C-alpha atoms as a PDB file:
ATOM      1  CA  UNK A   1     125.248 108.722  75.507  1.00  0.00           C
ATOM      2  CA  UNK A   2     128.594 108.581  77.293  1.00  0.00           C
ATOM      3  CA  UNK A   3     130.706 105.487  76.805  1.00  0.00           C
ATOM      4  CA  UNK A   4     132.905 103.979  79.461  1.00  0.00           C
ATOM      5  CA  UNK A   5     136.145 102.137  78.759  1.00  0.00           C
ATOM      6  CA  UNK A   6     138.206  99.787  80.880  1.00  0.00           C
ATOM      7  CA  UNK A   7     141.646 100.836  82.130  1.00  0.00           C
ATOM      8  CA  UNK A   8     143.469  98.917  79.373  1.00  0.00           C
ATOM      9  CA  UNK A   9     141.490 100.630  76.610  1.00  0.00           C
ATOM     10  CA  UNK A  10     142.010 104.060  78.182  1.00  0.00           C
ATOM     11  CA  UNK A  11     145.776 103.427  78.404  1.00  0.00           C
ATOM     12  CA  UNK A  12     145.832 102.397  74.745  1.00  0.00           C
ATOM     13  CA  UNK A  13     143.871 105.489  73.682  1.00  0.00           C
ATOM     14  CA  UNK A  14     146.229 107.694  75.705  1.00  0.00           C
ATOM     15  CA  UNK A  15     149.387 106.040  74.339  1.00  0.00           C
ATOM     16  CA  UNK A  16     151.189 106.276  71.020  1.00  0.00           C
ATOM     17  CA  UNK A  17     150.661 102.730  69.678  1.00  0.00           C
ATOM     18  CA  UNK A  18     147.376 103.302  67.813  1.00  0.00           C
ATOM     19  CA  UNK A  19     147.318 103.417  64.034  1.00  0.00           C
ATOM     20  CA  UNK A  20     144.432 105.278  62.381  1.00  0.00           C
ATOM     21  CA  UNK A  21     142.807 104.000  59.180  1.00  0.00           C
ATOM     22  CA  UNK A  22     139.837 105.228  57.163  1.00  0.00           C
ATOM     23  CA  UNK A  23     137.142 102.807  56.022  1.00  0.00           C
ATOM     24  CA  UNK A  24     134.119 103.319  53.834  1.00  0.00           C
ATOM     25  CA  UNK A  25     131.291 100.857  53.321  1.00  0.00           C
ATOM     26  CA  UNK A  26     129.060 101.483  50.313  1.00  0.00           C
ATOM     27  CA  UNK A  27     125.632  99.860  50.632  1.00  0.00           C
ATOM     28  CA  UNK A  28     124.002  99.287  47.236  1.00  0.00           C
ATOM     29  CA  UNK A  29     121.174  97.248  45.771  1.00  0.00           C
ATOM     30  CA  UNK A  30     123.769  94.845  44.361  1.00  0.00           C
ATOM     31  CA  UNK A  31     125.461  94.339  47.735  1.00  0.00           C
ATOM     32  CA  UNK A  32     127.785  95.988  50.247  1.00  0.00           C
ATOM     33  CA  UNK A  33     131.340  96.973  49.314  1.00  0.00           C
ATOM     34  CA  UNK A  34     134.125  98.122  51.633  1.00  0.00           C
ATOM     35  CA  UNK A  35     137.299 100.077  50.920  1.00  0.00           C
ATOM     36  CA  UNK A  36     140.051 100.975  53.376  1.00  0.00           C
ATOM     37  CA  UNK A  37     143.252 102.944  53.709  1.00  0.00           C
ATOM     38  CA  UNK A  38     145.341  99.922  54.692  1.00  0.00           C
ATOM     39  CA  UNK A  39     147.378  97.577  52.520  1.00  0.00           C
ATOM     40  CA  UNK A  40     145.482  94.451  53.536  1.00  0.00           C
ATOM     41  CA  UNK A  41     141.939  93.230  53.019  1.00  0.00           C
ATOM     42  CA  UNK A  42     140.069  92.907  56.308  1.00  0.00           C
ATOM     43  CA  UNK A  43     136.672  92.132  57.775  1.00  0.00           C
ATOM     44  CA  UNK A  44     135.041  93.686  60.831  1.00  0.00           C
ATOM     45  CA  UNK A  45     132.309  92.464  63.172  1.00  0.00           C
ATOM     46  CA  UNK A  46     130.465  95.775  62.662  1.00  0.00           C
ATOM     47  CA  UNK A  47     130.083  95.024  58.935  1.00  0.00           C
ATOM     48  CA  UNK A  48     129.097  91.347  58.635  1.00  0.00           C
ATOM     49  CA  UNK A  49     129.631  89.876  55.195  1.00  0.00           C
ATOM     50  CA  UNK A  50     131.729  92.827  53.965  1.00  0.00           C
ATOM     51  CA  UNK A  51     135.394  92.397  53.074  1.00  0.00           C
ATOM     52  CA  UNK A  52     137.181  95.743  53.101  1.00  0.00           C
ATOM     53  CA  UNK A  53     139.566  96.005  50.137  1.00  0.00           C
ATOM     54  CA  UNK A  54     142.794  97.743  51.151  1.00  0.00           C
ATOM     55  CA  UNK A  55     145.190  99.689  48.998  1.00  0.00           C
ATOM     56  CA  UNK A  56     147.329 101.887  51.290  1.00  0.00           C
ATOM     57  CA  UNK A  57     146.424 105.513  50.452  1.00  0.00           C
ATOM     58  CA  UNK A  58     143.153 104.372  48.964  1.00  0.00           C
ATOM     59  CA  UNK A  59     140.755 106.819  50.550  1.00  0.00           C
ATOM     60  CA  UNK A  60     140.502 110.564  50.856  1.00  0.00           C
ATOM     61  CA  UNK A  61     137.398 111.928  52.589  1.00  0.00           C
ATOM     62  CA  UNK A  62     136.484 115.614  52.740  1.00  0.00           C
ATOM     63  CA  UNK A  63     135.821 116.963  56.252  1.00  0.00           C
ATOM     64  CA  UNK A  64     132.490 115.919  57.758  1.00  0.00           C
ATOM     65  CA  UNK A  65     130.574 118.286  60.042  1.00  0.00           C
ATOM     66  CA  UNK A  66     129.492 116.690  63.307  1.00  0.00           C
ATOM     67  CA  UNK A  67     125.746 116.827  63.907  1.00  0.00           C
ATOM     68  CA  UNK A  68     123.539 115.693  66.767  1.00  0.00           C
ATOM     69  CA  UNK A  69     120.951 113.846  64.657  1.00  0.00           C
ATOM     70  CA  UNK A  70     121.260 111.740  61.525  1.00  0.00           C
ATOM     71  CA  UNK A  71     121.219 114.108  58.588  1.00  0.00           C
ATOM     72  CA  UNK A  72     122.140 113.802  54.942  1.00  0.00           C
ATOM     73  CA  UNK A  73     125.479 115.480  54.305  1.00  0.00           C
ATOM     74  CA  UNK A  74     127.477 116.035  51.157  1.00  0.00           C
ATOM     75  CA  UNK A  75     131.040 114.748  51.286  1.00  0.00           C
ATOM     76  CA  UNK A  76     133.589 113.969  48.625  1.00  0.00           C
ATOM     77  CA  UNK A  77     135.280 110.568  48.750  1.00  0.00           C
ATOM     78  CA  UNK A  78     138.200 109.841  46.461  1.00  0.00           C
ATOM     79  CA  UNK A  79     139.291 106.287  45.756  1.00  0.00           C
ATOM     80  CA  UNK A  80     142.762 105.961  44.262  1.00  0.00           C
ATOM     81  CA  UNK A  81     145.126 103.138  43.560  1.00  0.00           C
ATOM     82  CA  UNK A  82     142.356 100.716  42.602  1.00  0.00           C
ATOM     83  CA  UNK A  83     143.060  97.942  40.129  1.00  0.00           C
ATOM     84  CA  UNK A  84     141.353  98.280  36.737  1.00  0.00           C
ATOM     85  CA  UNK A  85     139.019  95.333  37.370  1.00  0.00           C
ATOM     86  CA  UNK A  86     137.890  96.870  40.693  1.00  0.00           C
ATOM     87  CA  UNK A  87     137.257 100.238  39.000  1.00  0.00           C
ATOM     88  CA  UNK A  88     135.206  98.533  36.300  1.00  0.00           C
ATOM     89  CA  UNK A  89     133.068  96.787  38.890  1.00  0.00           C
ATOM     90  CA  UNK A  90     132.522 100.045  40.849  1.00  0.00           C
ATOM     91  CA  UNK A  91     131.363 101.936  37.754  1.00  0.00           C
ATOM     92  CA  UNK A  92     128.986  99.133  36.778  1.00  0.00           C
ATOM     93  CA  UNK A  93     126.995  99.531  40.020  1.00  0.00           C
ATOM     94  CA  UNK A  94     123.809 101.515  40.634  1.00  0.00           C
ATOM     95  CA  UNK A  95     125.225 104.218  42.921  1.00  0.00           C
ATOM     96  CA  UNK A  96     122.183 106.525  42.917  1.00  0.00           C
ATOM     97  CA  UNK A  97     120.272 105.104  45.897  1.00  0.00           C
ATOM     98  CA  UNK A  98     123.285 103.833  47.816  1.00  0.00           C
ATOM     99  CA  UNK A  99     124.438 104.916  51.244  1.00  0.00           C
ATOM    100  CA  UNK A 100     128.004 105.313  52.450  1.00  0.00           C
ATOM    101  CA  UNK A 101     129.282 104.754  55.967  1.00  0.00           C
ATOM    102  CA  UNK A 102     132.573 106.473  56.815  1.00  0.00           C
ATOM    103  CA  UNK A 103     134.512 105.002  59.725  1.00  0.00           C
ATOM    104  CA  UNK A 104     137.775 105.830  61.504  1.00  0.00           C
ATOM    105  CA  UNK A 105     139.336 102.600  62.691  1.00  0.00           C
ATOM    106  CA  UNK A 106     141.996 102.519  65.399  1.00  0.00           C
ATOM    107  CA  UNK A 107     144.369  99.554  65.401  1.00  0.00           C
ATOM    108  CA  UNK A 108     146.822  98.527  68.081  1.00  0.00           C
ATOM    109  CA  UNK A 109     150.219  98.668  66.336  1.00  0.00           C
ATOM    110  CA  UNK A 110     151.367  95.689  68.408  1.00  0.00           C
END
């Protein structure tokens, strides 16, 4: 489905003021956890109840192949720069049946 944007959004997308950040949201039995490639914690309307923990160069995601339909794909996600207490909490979770959403966020630098 094609999306339409207003003139202001199109000008922003065409300009040089957008900053790109990677976000991942891990959905587990224990709850939803978000991690981002920014220095600040943030929340987003698209992920209610999830606070995205930021740590600058936190995320590295292997290339994802675009597909028409929802399909399971194997990707490698690396989290780095996490505090020891955050790492401990991640490894204590049941990751087996979890799902991961990978998002590219575009911020207006202004």
